[in-house]
Amino acid sequence: MKQVVAIIKPFKMDDVREALANVGITGMTVTEVKGFGRQKGHTELYRGAEYTVDFLPKAKIEMVVEDDDVERCIEIITHTARTGKIGDGKIFVLEIQRAMRIRTGEMDQSAI
């Protein structure tokens, strides 16, 4: 099992969720986060004063999938979330040691 974590532009969230659901991947956690990478924020004007916005709004998607589904998840997220502009995001893949469904006590593959 692997955890796929994707940080994407918020306006791409619904498209990514729908694309993943179309291939049967429905379980995920989505969090509104703020951050920056190479984008390094941007400058805005407010009431005549210029100020820097260091942290930009992003959507963080977390899902645990079977090893066989990892590459498909990465391809779908990459294809759907890409705008071709700086700040499109990142995808991380982590190893999951154990998983448990609290309600039933199912473990590992059965729990996801």
PDB file of N, CA and C in Angstrom:
ATOM      1  N   MET A   1       0.839  -1.183   0.000  1.00  0.00           N
ATOM      2  CA  MET A   1       0.000   0.000   0.000  1.00  0.00           C
ATOM      3  C   MET A   1       0.877   1.235   0.000  1.00  0.00           C
ATOM      4  N   LYS A   2       0.372   2.258  -0.662  1.00  0.00           N
ATOM      5  CA  LYS A   2       1.094   3.525  -0.740  1.00  0.00           C
ATOM      6  C   LYS A   2       0.136   4.674  -0.433  1.00  0.00           C
ATOM      7  N   GLN A   3       0.684   5.732   0.121  1.00  0.00           N
ATOM      8  CA  GLN A   3      -0.073   6.960   0.283  1.00  0.00           C
ATOM      9  C   GLN A   3       0.371   7.909  -0.816  1.00  0.00           C
ATOM     10  N   VAL A   4      -0.574   8.401  -1.581  1.00  0.00           N
ATOM     11  CA  VAL A   4      -0.295   9.391  -2.617  1.00  0.00           C
ATOM     12  C   VAL A   4      -0.773  10.735  -2.077  1.00  0.00           C
ATOM     13  N   VAL A   5       0.147  11.693  -2.028  1.00  0.00           N
ATOM     14  CA  VAL A   5      -0.164  13.037  -1.547  1.00  0.00           C
ATOM     15  C   VAL A   5       0.095  13.990  -2.705  1.00  0.00           C
ATOM     16  N   ALA A   6      -0.922  14.752  -3.067  1.00  0.00           N
ATOM     17  CA  ALA A   6      -0.785  15.714  -4.162  1.00  0.00           C
ATOM     18  C   ALA A   6      -1.152  17.096  -3.663  1.00  0.00           C
ATOM     19  N   ILE A   7      -0.306  18.074  -3.984  1.00  0.00           N
ATOM     20  CA  ILE A   7      -0.583  19.469  -3.686  1.00  0.00           C
ATOM     21  C   ILE A   7      -0.850  20.125  -5.043  1.00  0.00           C
ATOM     22  N   ILE A   8      -2.062  20.638  -5.234  1.00  0.00           N
ATOM     23  CA  ILE A   8      -2.446  21.184  -6.536  1.00  0.00           C
ATOM     24  C   ILE A   8      -3.115  22.546  -6.375  1.00  0.00           C
ATOM     25  N   LYS A   9      -3.350  23.206  -7.514  1.00  0.00           N
ATOM     26  CA  LYS A   9      -4.096  24.464  -7.498  1.00  0.00           C
ATOM     27  C   LYS A   9      -5.548  24.164  -7.134  1.00  0.00           C
ATOM     28  N   PRO A  10      -6.143  24.975  -6.259  1.00  0.00           N
ATOM     29  CA  PRO A  10      -7.499  24.676  -5.764  1.00  0.00           C
ATOM     30  C   PRO A  10      -8.557  24.554  -6.863  1.00  0.00           C
ATOM     31  N   PHE A  11      -8.472  25.344  -7.910  1.00  0.00           N
ATOM     32  CA  PHE A  11      -9.512  25.299  -8.931  1.00  0.00           C
ATOM     33  C   PHE A  11      -9.467  24.020  -9.770  1.00  0.00           C
ATOM     34  N   LYS A  12      -8.425  23.208  -9.601  1.00  0.00           N
ATOM     35  CA  LYS A  12      -8.303  21.926 -10.302  1.00  0.00           C
ATOM     36  C   LYS A  12      -8.838  20.756  -9.469  1.00  0.00           C
ATOM     37  N   MET A  13      -9.216  21.022  -8.219  1.00  0.00           N
ATOM     38  CA  MET A  13      -9.604  19.965  -7.293  1.00  0.00           C
ATOM     39  C   MET A  13     -10.775  19.133  -7.813  1.00  0.00           C
ATOM     40  N   ASP A  14     -11.852  19.747  -8.240  1.00  0.00           N
ATOM     41  CA  ASP A  14     -13.024  19.002  -8.692  1.00  0.00           C
ATOM     42  C   ASP A  14     -12.715  18.144  -9.916  1.00  0.00           C
ATOM     43  N   ASP A  15     -11.922  18.679 -10.831  1.00  0.00           N
ATOM     44  CA  ASP A  15     -11.545  17.912 -12.025  1.00  0.00           C
ATOM     45  C   ASP A  15     -10.735  16.669 -11.653  1.00  0.00           C
ATOM     46  N   VAL A  16      -9.800  16.829 -10.719  1.00  0.00           N
ATOM     47  CA  VAL A  16      -8.968  15.705 -10.289  1.00  0.00           C
ATOM     48  C   VAL A  16      -9.815  14.663  -9.572  1.00  0.00           C
ATOM     49  N   ARG A  17     -10.681  15.089  -8.674  1.00  0.00           N
ATOM     50  CA  ARG A  17     -11.544  14.160  -7.936  1.00  0.00           C
ATOM     51  C   ARG A  17     -12.415  13.368  -8.904  1.00  0.00           C
ATOM     52  N   GLU A  18     -12.996  14.055  -9.874  1.00  0.00           N
ATOM     53  CA  GLU A  18     -13.862  13.398 -10.851  1.00  0.00           C
ATOM     54  C   GLU A  18     -13.075  12.401 -11.713  1.00  0.00           C
ATOM     55  N   ALA A  19     -11.886  12.786 -12.154  1.00  0.00           N
ATOM     56  CA  ALA A  19     -11.052  11.898 -12.980  1.00  0.00           C
ATOM     57  C   ALA A  19     -10.651  10.650 -12.202  1.00  0.00           C
ATOM     58  N   LEU A  20     -10.312  10.799 -10.928  1.00  0.00           N
ATOM     59  CA  LEU A  20      -9.964   9.642 -10.102  1.00  0.00           C
ATOM     60  C   LEU A  20     -11.180   8.750  -9.864  1.00  0.00           C
ATOM     61  N   ALA A  21     -12.328   9.349  -9.630  1.00  0.00           N
ATOM     62  CA  ALA A  21     -13.557   8.585  -9.407  1.00  0.00           C
ATOM     63  C   ALA A  21     -13.926   7.776 -10.651  1.00  0.00           C
ATOM     64  N   ASN A  22     -13.652   8.318 -11.821  1.00  0.00           N
ATOM     65  CA  ASN A  22     -13.971   7.618 -13.074  1.00  0.00           C
ATOM     66  C   ASN A  22     -13.198   6.319 -13.247  1.00  0.00           C
ATOM     67  N   VAL A  23     -12.064   6.178 -12.555  1.00  0.00           N
ATOM     68  CA  VAL A  23     -11.299   4.927 -12.629  1.00  0.00           C
ATOM     69  C   VAL A  23     -11.430   4.117 -11.330  1.00  0.00           C
ATOM     70  N   GLY A  24     -12.383   4.509 -10.472  1.00  0.00           N
ATOM     71  CA  GLY A  24     -12.677   3.723  -9.286  1.00  0.00           C
ATOM     72  C   GLY A  24     -11.932   4.102  -8.029  1.00  0.00           C
ATOM     73  N   ILE A  25     -11.217   5.218  -8.047  1.00  0.00           N
ATOM     74  CA  ILE A  25     -10.503   5.665  -6.848  1.00  0.00           C
ATOM     75  C   ILE A  25     -11.327   6.773  -6.216  1.00  0.00           C
ATOM     76  N   THR A  26     -11.996   6.440  -5.111  1.00  0.00           N
ATOM     77  CA  THR A  26     -12.934   7.390  -4.523  1.00  0.00           C
ATOM     78  C   THR A  26     -12.557   7.835  -3.116  1.00  0.00           C
ATOM     79  N   GLY A  27     -11.785   7.040  -2.396  1.00  0.00           N
ATOM     80  CA  GLY A  27     -11.447   7.394  -1.022  1.00  0.00           C
ATOM     81  C   GLY A  27     -10.279   8.360  -0.964  1.00  0.00           C
ATOM     82  N   MET A  28     -10.538   9.542  -0.441  1.00  0.00           N
ATOM     83  CA  MET A  28      -9.469  10.535  -0.328  1.00  0.00           C
ATOM     84  C   MET A  28      -9.818  11.547   0.746  1.00  0.00           C
ATOM     85  N   THR A  29      -8.794  12.224   1.218  1.00  0.00           N
ATOM     86  CA  THR A  29      -8.958  13.333   2.144  1.00  0.00           C
ATOM     87  C   THR A  29      -8.432  14.567   1.446  1.00  0.00           C
ATOM     88  N   VAL A  30      -9.204  15.649   1.501  1.00  0.00           N
ATOM     89  CA  VAL A  30      -8.802  16.897   0.864  1.00  0.00           C
ATOM     90  C   VAL A  30      -8.738  17.986   1.925  1.00  0.00           C
ATOM     91  N   THR A  31      -7.650  18.722   1.903  1.00  0.00           N
ATOM     92  CA  THR A  31      -7.436  19.804   2.860  1.00  0.00           C
ATOM     93  C   THR A  31      -7.070  21.070   2.110  1.00  0.00           C
ATOM     94  N   GLU A  32      -7.616  22.198   2.549  1.00  0.00           N
ATOM     95  CA  GLU A  32      -7.190  23.483   2.002  1.00  0.00           C
ATOM     96  C   GLU A  32      -5.926  23.884   2.749  1.00  0.00           C
ATOM     97  N   VAL A  33      -4.840  24.097   2.009  1.00  0.00           N
ATOM     98  CA  VAL A  33      -3.559  24.450   2.623  1.00  0.00           C
ATOM     99  C   VAL A  33      -3.005  25.699   1.948  1.00  0.00           C
ATOM    100  N   LYS A  34      -1.949  26.230   2.514  1.00  0.00           N
ATOM    101  CA  LYS A  34      -1.245  27.362   1.917  1.00  0.00           C
ATOM    102  C   LYS A  34       0.233  27.031   1.883  1.00  0.00           C
ATOM    103  N   GLY A  35       0.911  27.489   0.855  1.00  0.00           N
ATOM    104  CA  GLY A  35       2.337  27.223   0.765  1.00  0.00           C
ATOM    105  C   GLY A  35       2.931  27.842  -0.482  1.00  0.00           C
ATOM    106  N   PHE A  36       4.209  27.575  -0.677  1.00  0.00           N
ATOM    107  CA  PHE A  36       4.867  28.044  -1.888  1.00  0.00           C
ATOM    108  C   PHE A  36       6.095  27.200  -2.134  1.00  0.00           C
ATOM    109  N   GLY A  37       6.509  27.160  -3.374  1.00  0.00           N
ATOM    110  CA  GLY A  37       7.736  26.479  -3.770  1.00  0.00           C
ATOM    111  C   GLY A  37       8.539  27.470  -4.583  1.00  0.00           C
ATOM    112  N   ARG A  38       8.775  27.125  -5.832  1.00  0.00           N
ATOM    113  CA  ARG A  38       9.507  28.041  -6.707  1.00  0.00           C
ATOM    114  C   ARG A  38       8.707  29.296  -7.009  1.00  0.00           C
ATOM    115  N   GLN A  39       7.397  29.220  -6.828  1.00  0.00           N
ATOM    116  CA  GLN A  39       6.530  30.360  -7.083  1.00  0.00           C
ATOM    117  C   GLN A  39       6.892  31.555  -6.200  1.00  0.00           C
ATOM    118  N   LYS A  40       7.266  31.267  -4.978  1.00  0.00           N
ATOM    119  CA  LYS A  40       7.682  32.267  -3.989  1.00  0.00           C
ATOM    120  C   LYS A  40       6.659  33.382  -3.757  1.00  0.00           C
ATOM    121  N   GLY A  41       5.393  33.077  -3.900  1.00  0.00           N
ATOM    122  CA  GLY A  41       4.366  34.071  -3.629  1.00  0.00           C
ATOM    123  C   GLY A  41       4.281  35.112  -4.725  1.00  0.00           C
ATOM    124  N   HIS A  42       3.570  36.182  -4.427  1.00  0.00           N
ATOM    125  CA  HIS A  42       3.419  37.270  -5.397  1.00  0.00           C
ATOM    126  C   HIS A  42       3.117  38.567  -4.662  1.00  0.00           C
ATOM    127  N   THR A  43       3.153  39.666  -5.386  1.00  0.00           N
ATOM    128  CA  THR A  43       2.905  40.978  -4.804  1.00  0.00           C
ATOM    129  C   THR A  43       1.501  41.441  -5.173  1.00  0.00           C
ATOM    130  N   GLU A  44       0.802  42.039  -4.211  1.00  0.00           N
ATOM    131  CA  GLU A  44      -0.528  42.571  -4.455  1.00  0.00           C
ATOM    132  C   GLU A  44      -0.599  44.009  -3.990  1.00  0.00           C
ATOM    133  N   LEU A  45      -1.584  44.711  -4.499  1.00  0.00           N
ATOM    134  CA  LEU A  45      -1.808  46.109  -4.137  1.00  0.00           C
ATOM    135  C   LEU A  45      -3.097  46.174  -3.336  1.00  0.00           C
ATOM    136  N   TYR A  46      -3.056  46.771  -2.145  1.00  0.00           N
ATOM    137  CA  TYR A  46      -4.242  46.916  -1.322  1.00  0.00           C
ATOM    138  C   TYR A  46      -4.286  48.334  -0.781  1.00  0.00           C
ATOM    139  N   ARG A  47      -5.309  49.075  -1.168  1.00  0.00           N
ATOM    140  CA  ARG A  47      -5.479  50.484  -0.765  1.00  0.00           C
ATOM    141  C   ARG A  47      -4.226  51.302  -1.023  1.00  0.00           C
ATOM    142  N   GLY A  48      -3.642  51.075  -2.163  1.00  0.00           N
ATOM    143  CA  GLY A  48      -2.477  51.846  -2.565  1.00  0.00           C
ATOM    144  C   GLY A  48      -1.151  51.350  -2.014  1.00  0.00           C
ATOM    145  N   ALA A  49      -1.188  50.386  -1.107  1.00  0.00           N
ATOM    146  CA  ALA A  49       0.047  49.855  -0.528  1.00  0.00           C
ATOM    147  C   ALA A  49       0.360  48.493  -1.157  1.00  0.00           C
ATOM    148  N   GLU A  50       1.615  48.280  -1.482  1.00  0.00           N
ATOM    149  CA  GLU A  50       2.045  47.017  -2.062  1.00  0.00           C
ATOM    150  C   GLU A  50       2.512  46.094  -0.941  1.00  0.00           C
ATOM    151  N   TYR A  51       2.075  44.850  -1.001  1.00  0.00           N
ATOM    152  CA  TYR A  51       2.532  43.882  -0.009  1.00  0.00           C
ATOM    153  C   TYR A  51       2.714  42.522  -0.678  1.00  0.00           C
ATOM    154  N   THR A  52       3.522  41.677  -0.040  1.00  0.00           N
ATOM    155  CA  THR A  52       3.850  40.363  -0.594  1.00  0.00           C
ATOM    156  C   THR A  52       2.999  39.289   0.061  1.00  0.00           C
ATOM    157  N   VAL A  53       2.400  38.445  -0.768  1.00  0.00           N
ATOM    158  CA  VAL A  53       1.654  37.288  -0.284  1.00  0.00           C
ATOM    159  C   VAL A  53       2.604  36.100  -0.417  1.00  0.00           C
ATOM    160  N   ASP A  54       3.136  35.646   0.718  1.00  0.00           N
ATOM    161  CA  ASP A  54       4.129  34.569   0.700  1.00  0.00           C
ATOM    162  C   ASP A  54       3.508  33.197   0.497  1.00  0.00           C
ATOM    163  N   PHE A  55       2.366  32.958   1.107  1.00  0.00           N
ATOM    164  CA  PHE A  55       1.744  31.642   1.036  1.00  0.00           C
ATOM    165  C   PHE A  55       0.528  31.699   0.129  1.00  0.00           C
ATOM    166  N   LEU A  56       0.528  30.819  -0.863  1.00  0.00           N
ATOM    167  CA  LEU A  56      -0.555  30.780  -1.834  1.00  0.00           C
ATOM    168  C   LEU A  56      -1.509  29.633  -1.516  1.00  0.00           C
ATOM    169  N   PRO A  57      -2.809  29.815  -1.787  1.00  0.00           N
ATOM    170  CA  PRO A  57      -3.770  28.748  -1.502  1.00  0.00           C
ATOM    171  C   PRO A  57      -3.541  27.537  -2.412  1.00  0.00           C
ATOM    172  N   LYS A  58      -3.600  26.362  -1.822  1.00  0.00           N
ATOM    173  CA  LYS A  58      -3.434  25.100  -2.538  1.00  0.00           C
ATOM    174  C   LYS A  58      -4.444  24.097  -1.990  1.00  0.00           C
ATOM    175  N   ALA A  59      -4.660  23.011  -2.710  1.00  0.00           N
ATOM    176  CA  ALA A  59      -5.476  21.901  -2.226  1.00  0.00           C
ATOM    177  C   ALA A  59      -4.545  20.706  -2.049  1.00  0.00           C
ATOM    178  N   LYS A  60      -4.670  20.036  -0.918  1.00  0.00           N
ATOM    179  CA  LYS A  60      -3.853  18.856  -0.635  1.00  0.00           C
ATOM    180  C   LYS A  60      -4.762  17.627  -0.645  1.00  0.00           C
ATOM    181  N   ILE A  61      -4.442  16.692  -1.525  1.00  0.00           N
ATOM    182  CA  ILE A  61      -5.201  15.452  -1.650  1.00  0.00           C
ATOM    183  C   ILE A  61      -4.344  14.331  -1.070  1.00  0.00           C
ATOM    184  N   GLU A  62      -4.942  13.526  -0.191  1.00  0.00           N
ATOM    185  CA  GLU A  62      -4.244  12.375   0.373  1.00  0.00           C
ATOM    186  C   GLU A  62      -5.108  11.142   0.159  1.00  0.00           C
ATOM    187  N   MET A  63      -4.499  10.076  -0.367  1.00  0.00           N
ATOM    188  CA  MET A  63      -5.231   8.825  -0.551  1.00  0.00           C
ATOM    189  C   MET A  63      -4.291   7.654  -0.357  1.00  0.00           C
ATOM    190  N   VAL A  64      -4.826   6.571   0.138  1.00  0.00           N
ATOM    191  CA  VAL A  64      -4.059   5.338   0.279  1.00  0.00           C
ATOM    192  C   VAL A  64      -4.605   4.370  -0.769  1.00  0.00           C
ATOM    193  N   VAL A  65      -3.697   3.865  -1.591  1.00  0.00           N
ATOM    194  CA  VAL A  65      -4.093   2.978  -2.687  1.00  0.00           C
ATOM    195  C   VAL A  65      -3.206   1.737  -2.693  1.00  0.00           C
ATOM    196  N   GLU A  66      -3.662   0.718  -3.399  1.00  0.00           N
ATOM    197  CA  GLU A  66      -2.847  -0.478  -3.569  1.00  0.00           C
ATOM    198  C   GLU A  66      -1.676  -0.147  -4.479  1.00  0.00           C
ATOM    199  N   ASP A  67      -0.590  -0.881  -4.333  1.00  0.00           N
ATOM    200  CA  ASP A  67       0.627  -0.620  -5.114  1.00  0.00           C
ATOM    201  C   ASP A  67       0.353  -0.553  -6.618  1.00  0.00           C
ATOM    202  N   ASP A  68      -0.544  -1.412  -7.095  1.00  0.00           N
ATOM    203  CA  ASP A  68      -0.849  -1.462  -8.529  1.00  0.00           C
ATOM    204  C   ASP A  68      -1.530  -0.197  -9.051  1.00  0.00           C
ATOM    205  N   ASP A  69      -2.149   0.588  -8.156  1.00  0.00           N
ATOM    206  CA  ASP A  69      -2.891   1.779  -8.573  1.00  0.00           C
ATOM    207  C   ASP A  69      -2.075   3.068  -8.513  1.00  0.00           C
ATOM    208  N   VAL A  70      -0.860   3.008  -7.995  1.00  0.00           N
ATOM    209  CA  VAL A  70      -0.064   4.221  -7.781  1.00  0.00           C
ATOM    210  C   VAL A  70       0.236   4.949  -9.084  1.00  0.00           C
ATOM    211  N   GLU A  71       0.755   4.255 -10.065  1.00  0.00           N
ATOM    212  CA  GLU A  71       1.129   4.909 -11.323  1.00  0.00           C
ATOM    213  C   GLU A  71      -0.081   5.522 -12.015  1.00  0.00           C
ATOM    214  N   ARG A  72      -1.209   4.809 -11.968  1.00  0.00           N
ATOM    215  CA  ARG A  72      -2.431   5.340 -12.583  1.00  0.00           C
ATOM    216  C   ARG A  72      -2.876   6.618 -11.875  1.00  0.00           C
ATOM    217  N   CYS A  73      -2.796   6.643 -10.539  1.00  0.00           N
ATOM    218  CA  CYS A  73      -3.139   7.857  -9.774  1.00  0.00           C
ATOM    219  C   CYS A  73      -2.240   9.022 -10.169  1.00  0.00           C
ATOM    220  N   ILE A  74      -0.944   8.759 -10.244  1.00  0.00           N
ATOM    221  CA  ILE A  74       0.007   9.810 -10.598  1.00  0.00           C
ATOM    222  C   ILE A  74      -0.291  10.350 -11.994  1.00  0.00           C
ATOM    223  N   GLU A  75      -0.545   9.463 -12.947  1.00  0.00           N
ATOM    224  CA  GLU A  75      -0.844   9.895 -14.318  1.00  0.00           C
ATOM    225  C   GLU A  75      -2.104  10.744 -14.378  1.00  0.00           C
ATOM    226  N   ILE A  76      -3.143  10.313 -13.684  1.00  0.00           N
ATOM    227  CA  ILE A  76      -4.417  11.037 -13.698  1.00  0.00           C
ATOM    228  C   ILE A  76      -4.261  12.407 -13.062  1.00  0.00           C
ATOM    229  N   ILE A  77      -3.625  12.461 -11.899  1.00  0.00           N
ATOM    230  CA  ILE A  77      -3.443  13.750 -11.219  1.00  0.00           C
ATOM    231  C   ILE A  77      -2.593  14.681 -12.074  1.00  0.00           C
ATOM    232  N   THR A  78      -1.494  14.158 -12.603  1.00  0.00           N
ATOM    233  CA  THR A  78      -0.603  14.980 -13.428  1.00  0.00           C
ATOM    234  C   THR A  78      -1.333  15.525 -14.646  1.00  0.00           C
ATOM    235  N   HIS A  79      -2.026  14.671 -15.355  1.00  0.00           N
ATOM    236  CA  HIS A  79      -2.730  15.084 -16.578  1.00  0.00           C
ATOM    237  C   HIS A  79      -3.842  16.092 -16.268  1.00  0.00           C
ATOM    238  N   THR A  80      -4.591  15.848 -15.194  1.00  0.00           N
ATOM    239  CA  THR A  80      -5.753  16.675 -14.878  1.00  0.00           C
ATOM    240  C   THR A  80      -5.377  17.999 -14.220  1.00  0.00           C
ATOM    241  N   ALA A  81      -4.354  18.009 -13.371  1.00  0.00           N
ATOM    242  CA  ALA A  81      -4.002  19.216 -12.615  1.00  0.00           C
ATOM    243  C   ALA A  81      -3.043  20.139 -13.360  1.00  0.00           C
ATOM    244  N   ARG A  82      -2.429  19.667 -14.437  1.00  0.00           N
ATOM    245  CA  ARG A  82      -1.415  20.465 -15.144  1.00  0.00           C
ATOM    246  C   ARG A  82      -2.041  21.631 -15.901  1.00  0.00           C
ATOM    247  N   THR A  83      -1.503  22.829 -15.640  1.00  0.00           N
ATOM    248  CA  THR A  83      -1.879  24.014 -16.417  1.00  0.00           C
ATOM    249  C   THR A  83      -0.724  24.448 -17.308  1.00  0.00           C
ATOM    250  N   GLY A  84       0.476  23.953 -16.989  1.00  0.00           N
ATOM    251  CA  GLY A  84       1.662  24.348 -17.733  1.00  0.00           C
ATOM    252  C   GLY A  84       2.316  25.600 -17.179  1.00  0.00           C
ATOM    253  N   LYS A  85       1.765  26.109 -16.078  1.00  0.00           N
ATOM    254  CA  LYS A  85       2.313  27.316 -15.459  1.00  0.00           C
ATOM    255  C   LYS A  85       2.940  26.966 -14.122  1.00  0.00           C
ATOM    256  N   ILE A  86       3.824  27.836 -13.666  1.00  0.00           N
ATOM    257  CA  ILE A  86       4.482  27.618 -12.387  1.00  0.00           C
ATOM    258  C   ILE A  86       3.438  27.495 -11.274  1.00  0.00           C
ATOM    259  N   GLY A  87       3.684  26.600 -10.334  1.00  0.00           N
ATOM    260  CA  GLY A  87       2.771  26.418  -9.211  1.00  0.00           C
ATOM    261  C   GLY A  87       1.742  25.327  -9.413  1.00  0.00           C
ATOM    262  N   ASP A  88       1.911  24.489 -10.449  1.00  0.00           N
ATOM    263  CA  ASP A  88       0.955  23.406 -10.686  1.00  0.00           C
ATOM    264  C   ASP A  88       0.937  22.403  -9.531  1.00  0.00           C
ATOM    265  N   GLY A  89       2.039  22.263  -8.812  1.00  0.00           N
ATOM    266  CA  GLY A  89       2.018  21.420  -7.628  1.00  0.00           C
ATOM    267  C   GLY A  89       3.047  20.309  -7.621  1.00  0.00           C
ATOM    268  N   LYS A  90       2.870  19.396  -6.676  1.00  0.00           N
ATOM    269  CA  LYS A  90       3.786  18.279  -6.469  1.00  0.00           C
ATOM    270  C   LYS A  90       2.978  17.047  -6.103  1.00  0.00           C
ATOM    271  N   ILE A  91       3.572  15.877  -6.347  1.00  0.00           N
ATOM    272  CA  ILE A  91       2.992  14.607  -5.918  1.00  0.00           C
ATOM    273  C   ILE A  91       4.070  13.852  -5.146  1.00  0.00           C
ATOM    274  N   PHE A  92       3.687  13.311  -3.992  1.00  0.00           N
ATOM    275  CA  PHE A  92       4.592  12.519  -3.170  1.00  0.00           C
ATOM    276  C   PHE A  92       3.976  11.133  -2.970  1.00  0.00           C
ATOM    277  N   VAL A  93       4.802  10.111  -2.917  1.00  0.00           N
ATOM    278  CA  VAL A  93       4.332   8.748  -2.675  1.00  0.00           C
ATOM    279  C   VAL A  93       5.084   8.208  -1.469  1.00  0.00           C
ATOM    280  N   LEU A  94       4.336   7.729  -0.477  1.00  0.00           N
ATOM    281  CA  LEU A  94       4.922   7.209   0.758  1.00  0.00           C
ATOM    282  C   LEU A  94       4.465   5.769   0.982  1.00  0.00           C
ATOM    283  N   GLU A  95       5.304   5.002   1.618  1.00  0.00           N
ATOM    284  CA  GLU A  95       4.986   3.614   1.954  1.00  0.00           C
ATOM    285  C   GLU A  95       4.077   3.597   3.184  1.00  0.00           C
ATOM    286  N   ILE A  96       3.049   2.757   3.153  1.00  0.00           N
ATOM    287  CA  ILE A  96       2.146   2.587   4.302  1.00  0.00           C
ATOM    288  C   ILE A  96       2.449   1.233   4.944  1.00  0.00           C
ATOM    289  N   GLN A  97       2.755   1.253   6.210  1.00  0.00           N
ATOM    290  CA  GLN A  97       3.089   0.021   6.932  1.00  0.00           C
ATOM    291  C   GLN A  97       1.844  -0.786   7.293  1.00  0.00           C
ATOM    292  N   ARG A  98       0.813  -0.101   7.795  1.00  0.00           N
ATOM    293  CA  ARG A  98      -0.418  -0.766   8.217  1.00  0.00           C
ATOM    294  C   ARG A  98      -1.591   0.168   8.000  1.00  0.00           C
ATOM    295  N   ALA A  99      -2.747  -0.429   7.818  1.00  0.00           N
ATOM    296  CA  ALA A  99      -3.996   0.331   7.740  1.00  0.00           C
ATOM    297  C   ALA A  99      -5.062  -0.462   8.488  1.00  0.00           C
ATOM    298  N   MET A 100      -5.973   0.262   9.141  1.00  0.00           N
ATOM    299  CA  MET A 100      -7.050  -0.411   9.862  1.00  0.00           C
ATOM    300  C   MET A 100      -8.328   0.396   9.735  1.00  0.00           C
ATOM    301  N   ARG A 101      -9.401  -0.282   9.382  1.00  0.00           N
ATOM    302  CA  ARG A 101     -10.723   0.344   9.365  1.00  0.00           C
ATOM    303  C   ARG A 101     -11.256   0.247  10.795  1.00  0.00           C
ATOM    304  N   ILE A 102     -11.472   1.368  11.425  1.00  0.00           N
ATOM    305  CA  ILE A 102     -11.847   1.400  12.837  1.00  0.00           C
ATOM    306  C   ILE A 102     -13.178   0.700  13.089  1.00  0.00           C
ATOM    307  N   ARG A 103     -14.169   0.934  12.237  1.00  0.00           N
ATOM    308  CA  ARG A 103     -15.500   0.374  12.450  1.00  0.00           C
ATOM    309  C   ARG A 103     -15.503  -1.150  12.472  1.00  0.00           C
ATOM    310  N   THR A 104     -14.797  -1.793  11.546  1.00  0.00           N
ATOM    311  CA  THR A 104     -14.870  -3.242  11.396  1.00  0.00           C
ATOM    312  C   THR A 104     -13.630  -3.990  11.893  1.00  0.00           C
ATOM    313  N   GLY A 105     -12.528  -3.292  12.062  1.00  0.00           N
ATOM    314  CA  GLY A 105     -11.295  -3.941  12.455  1.00  0.00           C
ATOM    315  C   GLY A 105     -10.538  -4.550  11.287  1.00  0.00           C
ATOM    316  N   GLU A 106     -11.021  -4.354  10.055  1.00  0.00           N
ATOM    317  CA  GLU A 106     -10.321  -4.879   8.877  1.00  0.00           C
ATOM    318  C   GLU A 106      -8.941  -4.268   8.810  1.00  0.00           C
ATOM    319  N   MET A 107      -7.989  -5.070   8.304  1.00  0.00           N
ATOM    320  CA  MET A 107      -6.602  -4.630   8.275  1.00  0.00           C
ATOM    321  C   MET A 107      -6.072  -4.557   6.852  1.00  0.00           C
ATOM    322  N   ASP A 108      -5.110  -3.665   6.668  1.00  0.00           N
ATOM    323  CA  ASP A 108      -4.318  -3.513   5.448  1.00  0.00           C
ATOM    324  C   ASP A 108      -5.182  -3.380   4.192  1.00  0.00           C
ATOM    325  N   GLN A 109      -5.012  -4.260   3.171  1.00  0.00           N
ATOM    326  CA  GLN A 109      -5.711  -4.099   1.892  1.00  0.00           C
ATOM    327  C   GLN A 109      -7.233  -4.044   2.085  1.00  0.00           C
ATOM    328  N   SER A 110      -7.764  -4.832   3.005  1.00  0.00           N
ATOM    329  CA  SER A 110      -9.215  -4.843   3.252  1.00  0.00           C
ATOM    330  C   SER A 110      -9.694  -3.527   3.830  1.00  0.00           C
ATOM    331  N   ALA A 111      -8.806  -2.814   4.483  1.00  0.00           N
ATOM    332  CA  ALA A 111      -9.187  -1.572   5.141  1.00  0.00           C
ATOM    333  C   ALA A 111      -9.268  -0.387   4.180  1.00  0.00           C
ATOM    334  N   ILE A 112      -8.626  -0.530   3.024  1.00  0.00           N
ATOM    335  CA  ILE A 112      -8.673   0.602   2.093  1.00  0.00           C
ATOM    336  C   ILE A 112      -9.727   0.348   1.030  1.00  0.00           C
TER     337      ILE A 112
END
